[in-house]
Amino acid sequence: MLPLLLASASPRRREMLERVGVPLEVRAADIDESWRDGEDPAAYVARIAHDKARAVKRAPGQWVLAADTTVTIDGKILAKAADGDEAAAMLRLLSGRVHQVITGVTILGDVTHDLLVSSDVAVATIGEDVIAAYVASGEWQGKAGAYAIQGIAAAFVREVRGSVTNIIGLPLAEVLDALRALGAPGPNYAAGKPA
């Protein structure tokens, strides 16, 4: 069986799949990821995942996995911050509140299978000195919502309801269940890479 084609440049998605031994080929999709006026966050990530899966060239019989993750609060999408000031503003918005992390997943092969997974994240109140230090760390760069739960920002999170791996960028249990059900390349835990 051909390796699963991961249509993503995300090192976190790749690492999670490799860790459980999913045979992978990585080819990032080059698409327009612009938000459409009036589009809700769930529809946005579902559309982007679907477009990524369709954009990559695959071998006959090869399965493609594409995903897109966003952070949302009050119906607003918090994409990747452009600079430190925008990152700080996002962290202030999340401070002391519950927000959602939504990932749209498309698995494309003989059939198309779409998933939508949402997790709630309760964030502690974050002081201005902590926000400034976190922004200076640079960890926020390239992260939706300007934070990485798998890094320093884990210290800001009081509670998670739902998939933790979803917050990192791929709802792993749900994706592995879907790959198995579809007959796509799936995990080989013995061949996985240790953390």
Foldseek 3Di string as FASTA:
>chain_A
DDAEEEQDPDPLVVQVQQQQARGYDYHHFDDDLDDDPPDFPQNSFQVVQVCSQVRDDDDAQHKYKGKDKFKDDPRDTQAQDPALVSLLVLCQVLEQAKIKMKMWMWIDGPHIDIDIFIKIWGFHHDDPVRSVVLSVVVQLGRAHSSHACVDPRVVGTDDMGGAPVSNNPDSVVVVQVVCVVVVHRHGDNVSHDHD
